[in-house]
């Protein structure tokens, strides 16, 4: 599915976080590993790899295609805590709506946490997905490396004390770990992969940012960057970003704090950001993610919305909802009205798949669209 709203934040808000569906079942293109699992313990073992982290206090929805059961979509909600019937209804309706839009006919739902939190949600989820024409293959609760089924009442296979399983030792988990697919301890640990640099590196970036801002003001004739006076510098600023994109596509990277700072400052200009956006071709998504990740970790907060939104877009292209949601959180924390981040959030939360992450314009169309403009507005 897509990438979306955060996972691990703010229940009882119906925030949904899809994840990459590409780690389940046999061989995958593009170097992405896939594994085949044919038991519930096997599926539970790969859920952390589908999400990128080990879930807690969560409802994880896994949409599969019969008859082979290939995972098509995985997304996660925070469980309402304390239990809230209205929030549970919204969560169930949202999940059913996404499954319906994706034309998913079969689902496995896994609630992580105590029964006091999971059961009220499952009680509302079951009729909601049934009304959407979705068949539950299983609805289970997981806690302390045990699982309980809400659909099976046979104590011979579903004992009241739950069924023990070892998610770490399962061969599917071992295979994914060996392939380098990450499963962080929790969402916070994954979020730290986008944390700002600290220490001397951060100090170097602060100094470089001050110089970049002074350079931009000088180019604007003493005014603020982003004004009409700076418009004549847009072509050169676009080329600065294009060179960085080309470097990462070629396997290189930016290392100079001054270059990072300048990229952050010029991407605040909408004609520059939109030119970069128009160049986010799917074939280079991994290189682009490296670039925007490097920038997100280095730029000052006022310059964070553009690279964070571009990172969210490229993560969405890859089906990585977790990173996309974290990046969008960063963009909107820096600027709650940033239109690109709001647009991506809306698209992702509505259940649009990665295939919908299409480029809005070509670079030539971007250039033409800004040619008569007096200057950029807020992003």
Protein backbone atom coordinates (compact mmCIF):
# COMPACT_ATOMS: atom_id res chain seq x y z
CA UNK A 1 0.00 0.00 0.00
CA UNK A 2 1.15 3.43 0.53
CA UNK A 3 2.96 5.10 3.12
CA UNK A 4 1.30 6.97 5.69
CA UNK A 5 0.25 8.53 8.75
CA UNK A 6 2.38 7.79 11.62
CA UNK A 7 2.53 4.74 13.51
CA UNK A 8 3.14 4.93 17.13
CA UNK A 9 1.51 8.31 17.65
CA UNK A 10 -1.65 9.62 19.10
CA UNK A 11 -4.45 7.23 19.71
CA UNK A 12 -7.39 7.57 19.53
CA UNK A 13 -6.71 9.40 16.29
CA UNK A 14 -7.22 7.09 13.34
CA UNK A 15 -3.72 7.39 12.08
CA UNK A 16 -2.77 4.69 9.66
CA UNK A 17 0.70 3.59 8.74
CA UNK A 18 0.99 1.33 5.76
CA UNK A 19 4.19 -0.55 5.27
CA UNK A 20 6.04 -2.28 2.50
CA UNK A 21 4.10 -5.31 1.28
CA UNK A 22 7.08 -6.62 -0.61
CA UNK A 23 8.65 -8.80 2.06
CA UNK A 24 6.13 -11.61 1.94
CA UNK A 25 6.21 -14.58 -0.43
CA UNK A 26 8.75 -15.88 -2.83
CA UNK A 27 11.19 -13.93 -5.03
CA UNK A 28 10.97 -10.20 -5.50
CA UNK A 29 12.28 -7.90 -8.21
CA UNK A 30 14.67 -5.09 -7.59
CA UNK A 31 16.66 -6.84 -4.89
CA UNK A 32 13.87 -6.72 -2.29
CA UNK A 33 13.81 -10.03 -0.42
CA UNK A 34 10.64 -12.01 -0.10
CA UNK A 35 9.94 -15.04 2.01
CA UNK A 36 7.19 -17.61 1.96
CA UNK A 37 5.34 -18.39 5.16
CA UNK A 38 2.45 -20.82 5.47
CA UNK A 39 1.64 -20.71 9.18
CA UNK A 40 0.35 -18.05 11.52
CA UNK A 41 3.56 -18.09 13.61
CA UNK A 42 5.50 -17.54 10.39
CA UNK A 43 3.35 -14.57 9.47
CA UNK A 44 3.68 -13.11 12.96
CA UNK A 45 7.45 -13.50 12.67
CA UNK A 46 7.59 -11.33 9.53
CA UNK A 47 5.21 -8.58 10.71
CA UNK A 48 8.06 -6.55 12.29
CA UNK A 49 9.90 -6.69 8.95
CA UNK A 50 6.79 -5.56 7.08
CA UNK A 51 6.52 -2.57 9.40
CA UNK A 52 10.21 -1.94 9.98
CA UNK A 53 9.86 -2.25 13.75
CA UNK A 54 8.31 -4.44 16.43
CA UNK A 55 4.77 -3.17 17.08
CA UNK A 56 3.22 -2.61 20.51
CA UNK A 57 -0.25 -1.36 21.45
CA UNK A 58 -1.08 -1.65 17.77
CA UNK A 59 -3.55 -3.07 15.31
CA UNK A 60 -1.79 -4.39 12.22
CA UNK A 61 -3.91 -5.06 9.14
CA UNK A 62 -2.52 -7.45 6.52
CA UNK A 63 -4.43 -7.67 3.26
CA UNK A 64 -3.74 -10.77 1.19
CA UNK A 65 -4.68 -12.07 -2.23
CA UNK A 66 -6.30 -15.49 -2.36
CA UNK A 67 -5.67 -18.24 -3.16
CA UNK A 68 -1.88 -17.98 -2.74
CA UNK A 69 -2.15 -15.47 0.08
CA UNK A 70 0.41 -12.98 -1.23
CA UNK A 71 0.62 -9.96 1.04
CA UNK A 72 -0.63 -6.92 -0.85
CA UNK A 73 -0.89 -4.34 1.88
CA UNK A 74 0.15 -3.93 5.50
CA UNK A 75 -0.75 -0.99 7.70
CA UNK A 76 -0.90 -0.18 11.37
CA UNK A 77 -3.02 1.80 13.83
CA UNK A 78 -2.39 2.81 17.39
CA UNK A 79 -4.85 1.13 19.73
CA UNK A 80 -7.08 3.57 21.62
CA UNK A 81 -5.68 3.73 25.14
CA UNK A 82 -7.73 3.98 27.29
CA UNK A 83 -10.39 2.08 25.32
CA UNK A 84 -12.72 4.44 23.49
CA UNK A 85 -15.73 3.03 21.58
CA UNK A 86 -15.96 6.02 19.24
CA UNK A 87 -12.24 5.86 18.42
CA UNK A 88 -12.51 2.10 17.86
CA UNK A 89 -15.41 2.66 15.47
CA UNK A 90 -13.41 5.24 13.52
CA UNK A 91 -10.40 2.94 13.39
CA UNK A 92 -12.48 0.01 12.14
CA UNK A 93 -14.22 2.16 9.53
CA UNK A 94 -10.90 3.56 8.31
CA UNK A 95 -9.37 0.10 8.01
CA UNK A 96 -12.41 -1.22 6.15
CA UNK A 97 -12.33 1.77 3.82
CA UNK A 98 -8.69 1.29 2.92
CA UNK A 99 -9.20 -2.43 2.29
CA UNK A 100 -12.23 -1.70 0.14
CA UNK A 101 -10.38 0.93 -1.90
CA UNK A 102 -7.51 -1.49 -2.43
CA UNK A 103 -10.02 -4.19 -3.42
CA UNK A 104 -8.65 -6.52 -0.79
CA UNK A 105 -10.93 -9.51 -0.23
CA UNK A 106 -9.08 -11.34 2.56
CA UNK A 107 -7.42 -9.95 5.66
CA UNK A 108 -5.49 -11.01 8.72
CA UNK A 109 -5.69 -8.58 11.64
CA UNK A 110 -3.24 -8.72 14.52
CA UNK A 111 -3.74 -6.78 17.73
CA UNK A 112 -0.65 -6.28 19.88
CA UNK A 113 -1.31 -5.70 23.55
CA UNK A 114 -3.59 -6.72 26.41
CA UNK A 115 -7.10 -7.93 25.73
CA UNK A 116 -8.54 -4.83 27.38
CA UNK A 117 -7.17 -2.77 24.46
CA UNK A 118 -7.30 -5.26 21.59
CA UNK A 119 -10.71 -6.91 22.08
CA UNK A 120 -12.85 -3.73 21.86
CA UNK A 121 -11.21 -2.89 18.53
CA UNK A 122 -11.56 -6.41 17.14
CA UNK A 123 -15.24 -6.45 18.09
CA UNK A 124 -15.80 -3.42 15.85
CA UNK A 125 -13.37 -4.42 13.13
CA UNK A 126 -15.06 -7.70 12.28
CA UNK A 127 -18.48 -6.29 11.28
CA UNK A 128 -16.86 -3.28 9.59
CA UNK A 129 -14.75 -5.38 7.23
CA UNK A 130 -17.62 -7.80 6.65
CA UNK A 131 -19.78 -4.90 5.51
CA UNK A 132 -16.98 -3.96 3.10
CA UNK A 133 -17.00 -7.47 1.63
CA UNK A 134 -13.69 -8.45 3.24
CA UNK A 135 -13.27 -11.95 4.70
CA UNK A 136 -11.12 -12.32 7.82
CA UNK A 137 -8.71 -15.21 7.46
CA UNK A 138 -7.86 -14.69 11.11
CA UNK A 139 -8.17 -12.09 13.85
CA UNK A 140 -5.59 -12.59 16.55
CA UNK A 141 -4.13 -10.95 19.62
CA UNK A 142 -0.40 -11.12 20.42
CA UNK A 143 1.22 -10.51 23.78
CA UNK A 144 4.37 -11.86 25.42
CA UNK A 145 5.20 -14.12 22.45
CA UNK A 146 1.80 -15.81 22.57
CA UNK A 147 -1.19 -15.42 20.31
CA UNK A 148 -4.92 -15.95 20.68
CA UNK A 149 -7.44 -16.26 17.84
CA UNK A 150 -10.78 -14.46 17.94
CA UNK A 151 -12.13 -16.84 15.29
CA UNK A 152 -11.10 -20.22 16.70
CA UNK A 153 -12.80 -21.64 19.78
CA UNK A 154 -11.28 -25.12 19.61
CA UNK A 155 -9.02 -25.58 22.68
CA UNK A 156 -7.07 -28.30 20.88
CA UNK A 157 -5.51 -25.77 18.50
CA UNK A 158 -6.35 -22.50 20.25
CA UNK A 159 -5.85 -23.08 23.98
CA UNK A 160 -7.21 -20.47 26.38
CA UNK A 161 -3.69 -19.72 27.63
CA UNK A 162 -2.65 -18.84 24.09
CA UNK A 163 -0.15 -20.44 21.74
CA UNK A 164 3.54 -19.75 22.26
CA UNK A 165 5.74 -18.78 19.31
CA UNK A 166 9.25 -17.45 18.86
CA UNK A 167 9.28 -14.56 16.37
CA UNK A 168 13.05 -14.20 16.47
CA UNK A 169 14.00 -17.84 15.91
CA UNK A 170 11.54 -18.44 13.08
CA UNK A 171 13.34 -19.25 9.77
CA UNK A 172 11.47 -16.45 7.98
CA UNK A 173 12.75 -13.88 10.46
CA UNK A 174 16.26 -15.31 10.20
CA UNK A 175 16.13 -15.10 6.40
CA UNK A 176 14.99 -11.48 6.42
CA UNK A 177 17.59 -10.53 9.01
CA UNK A 178 20.31 -12.19 6.93
CA UNK A 179 19.08 -10.25 3.90
CA UNK A 180 19.53 -6.98 5.79
CA UNK A 181 15.85 -6.14 6.15
CA UNK A 182 15.57 -4.06 9.34
CA UNK A 183 13.15 -4.62 12.20
CA UNK A 184 13.88 -2.00 14.83
CA UNK A 185 13.01 -2.53 18.47
CA UNK A 186 10.20 0.02 18.28
CA UNK A 187 9.07 2.98 16.23
CA UNK A 188 11.16 5.39 18.28
CA UNK A 189 14.30 3.46 17.39
CA UNK A 190 13.37 3.68 13.72
CA UNK A 191 12.65 7.40 14.07
CA UNK A 192 16.15 7.94 15.36
CA UNK A 193 17.51 7.00 11.94
CA UNK A 194 16.24 10.44 10.87
CA UNK A 195 17.37 12.24 14.02
CA UNK A 196 19.40 15.45 13.64
CA UNK A 197 23.16 15.20 13.84
CA UNK A 198 24.74 16.17 17.14
CA UNK A 199 28.09 17.36 18.41
CA UNK A 200 30.72 18.86 16.10
CA UNK A 201 28.78 17.88 12.98
CA UNK A 202 25.76 19.87 14.18
CA UNK A 203 27.95 22.86 15.04
CA UNK A 204 29.50 22.75 11.56
CA UNK A 205 26.04 22.72 10.02
CA UNK A 206 24.91 25.73 12.08
CA UNK A 207 27.89 27.73 10.87
CA UNK A 208 27.36 26.58 7.29
CA UNK A 209 23.67 27.47 7.44
CA UNK A 210 24.44 31.00 8.59
CA UNK A 211 26.79 31.42 5.63
CA UNK A 212 24.23 29.97 3.21
CA UNK A 213 21.54 32.32 4.49
CA UNK A 214 23.85 35.31 4.10
CA UNK A 215 24.66 34.21 0.55
CA UNK A 216 20.97 33.89 -0.30
CA UNK A 217 20.21 37.34 1.16
CA UNK A 218 23.04 38.83 -0.84
CA UNK A 219 21.69 37.27 -4.03
CA UNK A 220 18.27 38.67 -3.19
CA UNK A 221 19.71 42.17 -2.98
CA UNK A 222 19.50 42.31 0.78
CA UNK A 223 15.94 41.04 0.92
CA UNK A 224 14.73 37.71 2.15
CA UNK A 225 15.31 34.51 0.18
CA UNK A 226 12.14 33.53 -1.65
CA UNK A 227 11.28 37.03 -2.84
CA UNK A 228 10.93 38.10 -6.47
CA UNK A 229 14.42 39.60 -6.33
CA UNK A 230 15.83 36.09 -5.98
CA UNK A 231 13.97 34.73 -9.02
CA UNK A 232 16.86 35.32 -11.41
CA UNK A 233 18.91 32.89 -9.33
CA UNK A 234 16.42 30.00 -9.60
CA UNK A 235 18.17 28.31 -12.56
CA UNK A 236 21.52 28.20 -10.72
CA UNK A 237 19.83 27.00 -7.55
CA UNK A 238 18.05 24.25 -9.44
CA UNK A 239 21.38 23.17 -10.89
CA UNK A 240 22.83 22.92 -7.37
CA UNK A 241 20.14 20.42 -6.42
CA UNK A 242 20.40 18.61 -9.75
CA UNK A 243 24.12 18.07 -9.19
CA UNK A 244 23.40 16.54 -5.79
CA UNK A 245 20.75 14.26 -7.29
CA UNK A 246 23.18 13.15 -9.99
CA UNK A 247 25.89 12.48 -7.41
CA UNK A 248 23.66 10.18 -5.39
CA UNK A 249 22.35 8.43 -8.49
CA UNK A 250 25.94 7.69 -9.38
CA UNK A 251 26.60 6.09 -6.00
CA UNK A 252 28.26 9.13 -4.44
CA UNK A 253 27.08 11.54 -1.79
CA UNK A 254 27.42 15.07 -0.50
CA UNK A 255 29.87 15.45 2.40
CA UNK A 256 30.50 19.20 2.70
CA UNK A 257 28.38 20.96 5.38
CA UNK A 258 28.37 24.08 3.23
CA UNK A 259 26.81 22.21 0.32
CA UNK A 260 24.20 20.60 2.56
CA UNK A 261 23.34 24.00 4.04
CA UNK A 262 23.02 25.59 0.60
CA UNK A 263 20.78 22.76 -0.62
CA UNK A 264 18.52 23.25 2.39
CA UNK A 265 18.25 27.00 1.82
CA UNK A 266 17.58 26.83 -1.92
CA UNK A 267 15.02 24.00 -1.58
CA UNK A 268 12.90 26.44 0.42
CA UNK A 269 12.25 28.09 -2.96
CA UNK A 270 9.24 26.36 -4.52
CA UNK A 271 10.61 26.45 -8.10
CA UNK A 272 13.73 24.68 -6.83
CA UNK A 273 11.84 22.13 -4.74
CA UNK A 274 9.34 21.40 -7.49
CA UNK A 275 12.13 20.88 -10.02
CA UNK A 276 13.65 18.34 -7.63
CA UNK A 277 10.27 16.69 -7.12
CA UNK A 278 9.81 16.38 -10.88
CA UNK A 279 13.11 14.45 -11.03
CA UNK A 280 12.14 11.80 -8.44
CA UNK A 281 12.03 8.96 -10.95
CA UNK A 282 11.04 5.60 -9.51
CA UNK A 283 14.09 3.83 -10.91
CA UNK A 284 16.37 5.95 -8.70
CA UNK A 285 14.24 5.85 -5.56
CA UNK A 286 16.94 4.30 -3.36
CA UNK A 287 19.50 6.93 -4.33
CA UNK A 288 16.97 9.70 -3.79
CA UNK A 289 16.10 8.37 -0.34
CA UNK A 290 19.78 8.49 0.62
CA UNK A 291 20.01 12.10 -0.50
CA UNK A 292 16.89 13.32 1.30
CA UNK A 293 17.75 11.32 4.42
CA UNK A 294 21.17 12.96 4.55
CA UNK A 295 19.57 16.38 4.15
CA UNK A 296 16.80 15.78 6.70
CA UNK A 297 19.40 14.88 9.31
CA UNK A 298 21.45 18.02 8.66
CA UNK A 299 19.32 21.02 7.74
CA UNK A 300 18.04 23.53 10.28
CA UNK A 301 14.36 23.15 11.15
CA UNK A 302 13.13 26.09 9.04
CA UNK A 303 14.52 24.29 5.98
CA UNK A 304 13.24 20.84 6.94
CA UNK A 305 9.80 20.75 5.20
CA UNK A 306 11.09 20.47 1.62
CA UNK A 307 13.64 17.63 2.03
CA UNK A 308 11.39 15.83 4.53
CA UNK A 309 8.48 15.96 2.08
CA UNK A 310 10.70 14.75 -0.75
CA UNK A 311 11.89 11.92 1.48
CA UNK A 312 8.26 11.02 2.24
CA UNK A 313 7.48 10.94 -1.48
CA UNK A 314 10.38 8.65 -2.32
CA UNK A 315 9.59 6.41 0.66
CA UNK A 316 5.98 6.22 -0.55
CA UNK A 317 7.27 5.21 -3.99
CA UNK A 318 9.11 2.33 -2.28
CA UNK A 319 6.07 1.29 -0.23
CA UNK A 320 7.82 2.26 3.01
CA UNK A 321 4.97 3.79 4.98
CA UNK A 322 6.91 4.00 8.21
CA UNK A 323 9.67 6.27 6.92
CA UNK A 324 7.16 8.27 4.91
CA UNK A 325 5.05 8.90 8.00
CA UNK A 326 8.05 9.87 10.13
CA UNK A 327 9.28 12.24 7.42
CA UNK A 328 5.84 13.86 7.10
CA UNK A 329 5.69 14.32 10.86
CA UNK A 330 9.01 16.14 10.69
CA UNK A 331 7.86 18.36 7.82
CA UNK A 332 4.59 19.29 9.49
CA UNK A 333 6.21 19.86 12.87
CA UNK A 334 8.43 22.45 11.18
CA UNK A 335 5.55 23.96 9.17
CA UNK A 336 2.01 22.70 9.92
CA UNK A 337 0.71 24.35 6.75
CA UNK A 338 3.30 23.00 4.33
CA UNK A 339 1.18 22.09 1.33
CA UNK A 340 3.32 19.30 -0.13
CA UNK A 341 3.37 17.46 3.20
CA UNK A 342 -0.39 17.95 3.64
CA UNK A 343 -1.02 16.70 0.10
CA UNK A 344 1.07 13.58 0.64
CA UNK A 345 -0.55 12.92 4.02
CA UNK A 346 -4.01 13.11 2.50
CA UNK A 347 -3.11 10.80 -0.37
CA UNK A 348 -1.46 8.25 1.84
CA UNK A 349 -4.13 8.24 4.53
CA UNK A 350 -6.81 7.70 1.92
CA UNK A 351 -5.16 4.40 1.04
CA UNK A 352 -3.56 5.25 -2.29
CA UNK A 353 -0.88 2.69 -3.19
CA UNK A 354 2.76 3.44 -4.09
CA UNK A 355 1.78 3.21 -7.75
CA UNK A 356 -0.11 6.48 -7.21
CA UNK A 357 3.14 8.28 -6.29
CA UNK A 358 3.45 9.78 -9.73
CA UNK A 359 5.53 12.79 -10.63
CA UNK A 360 3.35 15.92 -10.70
CA UNK A 361 5.13 17.55 -13.65
CA UNK A 362 8.17 17.21 -15.83
CA UNK A 363 11.17 19.48 -15.13
CA UNK A 364 10.34 21.44 -18.29
CA UNK A 365 6.76 21.96 -17.10
CA UNK A 366 8.02 23.13 -13.71
CA UNK A 367 10.30 25.66 -15.36
CA UNK A 368 7.52 26.92 -17.59
CA UNK A 369 5.03 27.15 -14.74
CA UNK A 370 7.30 29.48 -12.76
CA UNK A 371 8.55 31.54 -15.67
CA UNK A 372 5.98 34.35 -15.38
CA UNK A 373 5.65 34.16 -11.60
CA UNK A 374 6.59 37.10 -9.43
CA UNK A 375 7.98 34.79 -6.79
CA UNK A 376 7.22 31.68 -4.77
CA UNK A 377 4.73 31.53 -1.95
CA UNK A 378 4.63 29.37 1.13
CA UNK A 379 5.08 25.68 0.53
